Amino acid sequence: MLIRVAARAWPLMAVAGVVVAAEADAEIDALLARLARSPCAFERNGQWHGGRDASAHLATKRRMAPAGASSTTEAFIDGIASRSSQSGQPYRVRCPGAPEQPAADWLQRQLDDLRSGR
């Protein structure tokens, strides 16, 4: 009986995983687009970059990351977009009229805005 129930549940779990991955991909794409349009400067290993360069860099890191590293948008922010994979140094963001902040905080705020429709 248990095997029969598990066999029926497996396709549903697999479909749910694909939906979650597709939603994460869409959110990450939207975050990268916001980043590219941003007037903020993004610091990576002591060098400041514009939004387009930062977005392109994170997109490359995303493509090169191990499978599952972007299984959720939060995993992407925490594991790929918050710190240098070479030095381990956290990325920073400096926006006009605002104090410098960790990139993870900026990205999470952008994600919150996306999810709330702003």
C-alpha atoms as a PDB file:
ATOM      1  CA  MET A   1       0.000   0.000   0.000  1.00  0.00           C
ATOM      2  CA  LEU A   2       2.760   2.442   0.963  1.00  0.00           C
ATOM      3  CA  ILE A   3       4.628   1.724  -2.273  1.00  0.00           C
ATOM      4  CA  ARG A   4       1.480   2.380  -4.314  1.00  0.00           C
ATOM      5  CA  VAL A   5       0.894   5.745  -2.551  1.00  0.00           C
ATOM      6  CA  ALA A   6       4.540   6.764  -2.970  1.00  0.00           C
ATOM      7  CA  ALA A   7       4.460   5.802  -6.651  1.00  0.00           C
ATOM      8  CA  ARG A   8       1.412   8.027  -7.191  1.00  0.00           C
ATOM      9  CA  ALA A   9       2.907  10.935  -5.233  1.00  0.00           C
ATOM     10  CA  TRP A  10       6.245  10.936  -7.082  1.00  0.00           C
ATOM     11  CA  PRO A  11       4.955  12.512 -10.333  1.00  0.00           C
ATOM     12  CA  LEU A  12       3.225  15.243  -8.336  1.00  0.00           C
ATOM     13  CA  MET A  13       6.393  16.012  -6.404  1.00  0.00           C
ATOM     14  CA  ALA A  14       8.414  16.076  -9.624  1.00  0.00           C
ATOM     15  CA  VAL A  15       5.950  18.487 -11.235  1.00  0.00           C
ATOM     16  CA  ALA A  16       5.965  20.704  -8.130  1.00  0.00           C
ATOM     17  CA  GLY A  17       9.763  20.811  -8.270  1.00  0.00           C
ATOM     18  CA  VAL A  18       9.673  21.973 -11.875  1.00  0.00           C
ATOM     19  CA  VAL A  19       7.148  24.688 -11.008  1.00  0.00           C
ATOM     20  CA  VAL A  20       9.298  25.874  -8.104  1.00  0.00           C
ATOM     21  CA  ALA A  21      12.405  25.909 -10.317  1.00  0.00           C
ATOM     22  CA  ALA A  22      10.569  27.819 -13.056  1.00  0.00           C
ATOM     23  CA  GLU A  23       9.335  30.388 -10.525  1.00  0.00           C
ATOM     24  CA  ALA A  24      12.846  30.787  -9.125  1.00  0.00           C
ATOM     25  CA  ASP A  25      14.267  31.213 -12.647  1.00  0.00           C
ATOM     26  CA  ALA A  26      11.705  33.917 -13.410  1.00  0.00           C
ATOM     27  CA  GLU A  27      12.407  35.739 -10.144  1.00  0.00           C
ATOM     28  CA  ILE A  28      16.169  35.543 -10.626  1.00  0.00           C
ATOM     29  CA  ASP A  29      15.813  36.843 -14.187  1.00  0.00           C
ATOM     30  CA  ALA A  30      13.720  39.731 -12.835  1.00  0.00           C
ATOM     31  CA  LEU A  31      16.309  40.477 -10.132  1.00  0.00           C
ATOM     32  CA  LEU A  32      19.098  40.522 -12.703  1.00  0.00           C
ATOM     33  CA  ALA A  33      17.044  42.870 -14.898  1.00  0.00           C
ATOM     34  CA  ARG A  34      16.481  45.221 -11.948  1.00  0.00           C
ATOM     35  CA  LEU A  35      20.172  45.086 -11.177  1.00  0.00           C
ATOM     36  CA  ALA A  36      21.061  45.957 -14.785  1.00  0.00           C
ATOM     37  CA  ARG A  37      18.739  49.012 -14.684  1.00  0.00           C
ATOM     38  CA  SER A  38      19.856  50.133 -11.245  1.00  0.00           C
ATOM     39  CA  PRO A  39      21.650  53.465 -10.725  1.00  0.00           C
ATOM     40  CA  CYS A  40      23.568  51.808  -7.877  1.00  0.00           C
ATOM     41  CA  ALA A  41      27.238  50.825  -7.874  1.00  0.00           C
ATOM     42  CA  PHE A  42      28.186  47.284  -6.909  1.00  0.00           C
ATOM     43  CA  GLU A  43      31.498  46.469  -5.249  1.00  0.00           C
ATOM     44  CA  ARG A  44      33.205  43.187  -6.017  1.00  0.00           C
ATOM     45  CA  ASN A  45      36.685  42.420  -4.670  1.00  0.00           C
ATOM     46  CA  GLY A  46      37.503  46.088  -4.102  1.00  0.00           C
ATOM     47  CA  GLN A  47      36.298  47.311  -7.517  1.00  0.00           C
ATOM     48  CA  TRP A  48      33.036  49.177  -8.134  1.00  0.00           C
ATOM     49  CA  HIS A  49      30.890  48.260 -11.149  1.00  0.00           C
ATOM     50  CA  GLY A  50      27.705  49.565 -12.700  1.00  0.00           C
ATOM     51  CA  GLY A  51      24.455  47.623 -12.651  1.00  0.00           C
ATOM     52  CA  ARG A  52      24.848  46.164 -16.136  1.00  0.00           C
ATOM     53  CA  ASP A  53      28.298  44.784 -15.375  1.00  0.00           C
ATOM     54  CA  ALA A  54      27.164  43.431 -12.002  1.00  0.00           C
ATOM     55  CA  SER A  55      24.137  41.771 -13.584  1.00  0.00           C
ATOM     56  CA  ALA A  56      26.253  40.187 -16.322  1.00  0.00           C
ATOM     57  CA  HIS A  57      28.739  38.930 -13.738  1.00  0.00           C
ATOM     58  CA  LEU A  58      26.014  37.328 -11.610  1.00  0.00           C
ATOM     59  CA  ALA A  59      24.390  35.789 -14.685  1.00  0.00           C
ATOM     60  CA  THR A  60      27.729  34.188 -15.564  1.00  0.00           C
ATOM     61  CA  LYS A  61      28.195  32.918 -12.007  1.00  0.00           C
ATOM     62  CA  ARG A  62      24.670  31.487 -12.145  1.00  0.00           C
ATOM     63  CA  ARG A  63      25.394  29.600 -15.383  1.00  0.00           C
ATOM     64  CA  MET A  64      28.636  28.214 -13.958  1.00  0.00           C
ATOM     65  CA  ALA A  65      27.190  27.240 -10.564  1.00  0.00           C
ATOM     66  CA  PRO A  66      26.547  23.614  -9.670  1.00  0.00           C
ATOM     67  CA  ALA A  67      23.089  22.218 -10.379  1.00  0.00           C
ATOM     68  CA  GLY A  68      20.639  23.224  -7.678  1.00  0.00           C
ATOM     69  CA  ALA A  69      22.567  26.328  -6.589  1.00  0.00           C
ATOM     70  CA  SER A  70      19.663  28.446  -7.866  1.00  0.00           C
ATOM     71  CA  SER A  71      16.867  26.084  -6.881  1.00  0.00           C
ATOM     72  CA  THR A  72      15.237  28.995  -5.049  1.00  0.00           C
ATOM     73  CA  THR A  73      15.731  32.717  -5.399  1.00  0.00           C
ATOM     74  CA  GLU A  74      16.950  32.853  -1.811  1.00  0.00           C
ATOM     75  CA  ALA A  75      19.559  30.175  -2.603  1.00  0.00           C
ATOM     76  CA  PHE A  76      20.726  32.275  -5.546  1.00  0.00           C
ATOM     77  CA  ILE A  77      21.044  35.370  -3.348  1.00  0.00           C
ATOM     78  CA  ASP A  78      22.780  33.554  -0.498  1.00  0.00           C
ATOM     79  CA  GLY A  79      25.002  31.224  -2.480  1.00  0.00           C
ATOM     80  CA  ILE A  80      25.834  33.072  -5.679  1.00  0.00           C
ATOM     81  CA  ALA A  81      24.968  36.765  -5.547  1.00  0.00           C
ATOM     82  CA  SER A  82      26.180  37.823  -2.092  1.00  0.00           C
ATOM     83  CA  ARG A  83      29.908  37.178  -2.137  1.00  0.00           C
ATOM     84  CA  SER A  84      32.886  36.517  -4.323  1.00  0.00           C
ATOM     85  CA  SER A  85      33.466  32.860  -5.009  1.00  0.00           C
ATOM     86  CA  GLN A  86      37.188  33.628  -5.396  1.00  0.00           C
ATOM     87  CA  SER A  87      37.922  35.744  -2.312  1.00  0.00           C
ATOM     88  CA  GLY A  88      34.869  35.048  -0.165  1.00  0.00           C
ATOM     89  CA  GLN A  89      34.448  38.802   0.317  1.00  0.00           C
ATOM     90  CA  PRO A  90      30.848  40.001   0.485  1.00  0.00           C
ATOM     91  CA  TYR A  91      29.566  42.152  -2.356  1.00  0.00           C
ATOM     92  CA  ARG A  92      28.466  45.691  -1.429  1.00  0.00           C
ATOM     93  CA  VAL A  93      25.966  48.112  -2.965  1.00  0.00           C
ATOM     94  CA  ARG A  94      26.109  51.909  -2.958  1.00  0.00           C
ATOM     95  CA  CYS A  95      22.972  53.685  -4.203  1.00  0.00           C
ATOM     96  CA  PRO A  96      22.480  57.430  -4.641  1.00  0.00           C
ATOM     97  CA  GLY A  97      21.180  59.006  -1.432  1.00  0.00           C
ATOM     98  CA  ALA A  98      21.482  55.795   0.604  1.00  0.00           C
ATOM     99  CA  PRO A  99      24.179  54.294   2.808  1.00  0.00           C
ATOM    100  CA  GLU A 100      26.382  51.504   1.480  1.00  0.00           C
ATOM    101  CA  GLN A 101      24.947  48.075   2.256  1.00  0.00           C
ATOM    102  CA  PRO A 102      25.599  44.368   1.727  1.00  0.00           C
ATOM    103  CA  ALA A 103      24.456  43.192  -1.702  1.00  0.00           C
ATOM    104  CA  ALA A 104      22.455  40.405  -0.026  1.00  0.00           C
ATOM    105  CA  ASP A 105      20.325  43.017   1.749  1.00  0.00           C
ATOM    106  CA  TRP A 106      19.771  45.023  -1.446  1.00  0.00           C
ATOM    107  CA  LEU A 107      18.859  41.923  -3.444  1.00  0.00           C
ATOM    108  CA  GLN A 108      16.490  40.643  -0.753  1.00  0.00           C
ATOM    109  CA  ARG A 109      14.727  44.025  -0.685  1.00  0.00           C
ATOM    110  CA  GLN A 110      14.387  43.900  -4.471  1.00  0.00           C
ATOM    111  CA  LEU A 111      12.974  40.373  -4.218  1.00  0.00           C
ATOM    112  CA  ASP A 112      10.484  41.492  -1.568  1.00  0.00           C
ATOM    113  CA  ASP A 113       9.409  44.336  -3.881  1.00  0.00           C
ATOM    114  CA  LEU A 114       9.007  41.921  -6.818  1.00  0.00           C
ATOM    115  CA  ARG A 115       6.894  39.559  -4.764  1.00  0.00           C
ATOM    116  CA  SER A 116       4.689  42.374  -3.501  1.00  0.00           C
ATOM    117  CA  GLY A 117       4.192  43.714  -7.036  1.00  0.00           C
ATOM    118  CA  ARG A 118       6.265  46.886  -6.677  1.00  0.00           C
END
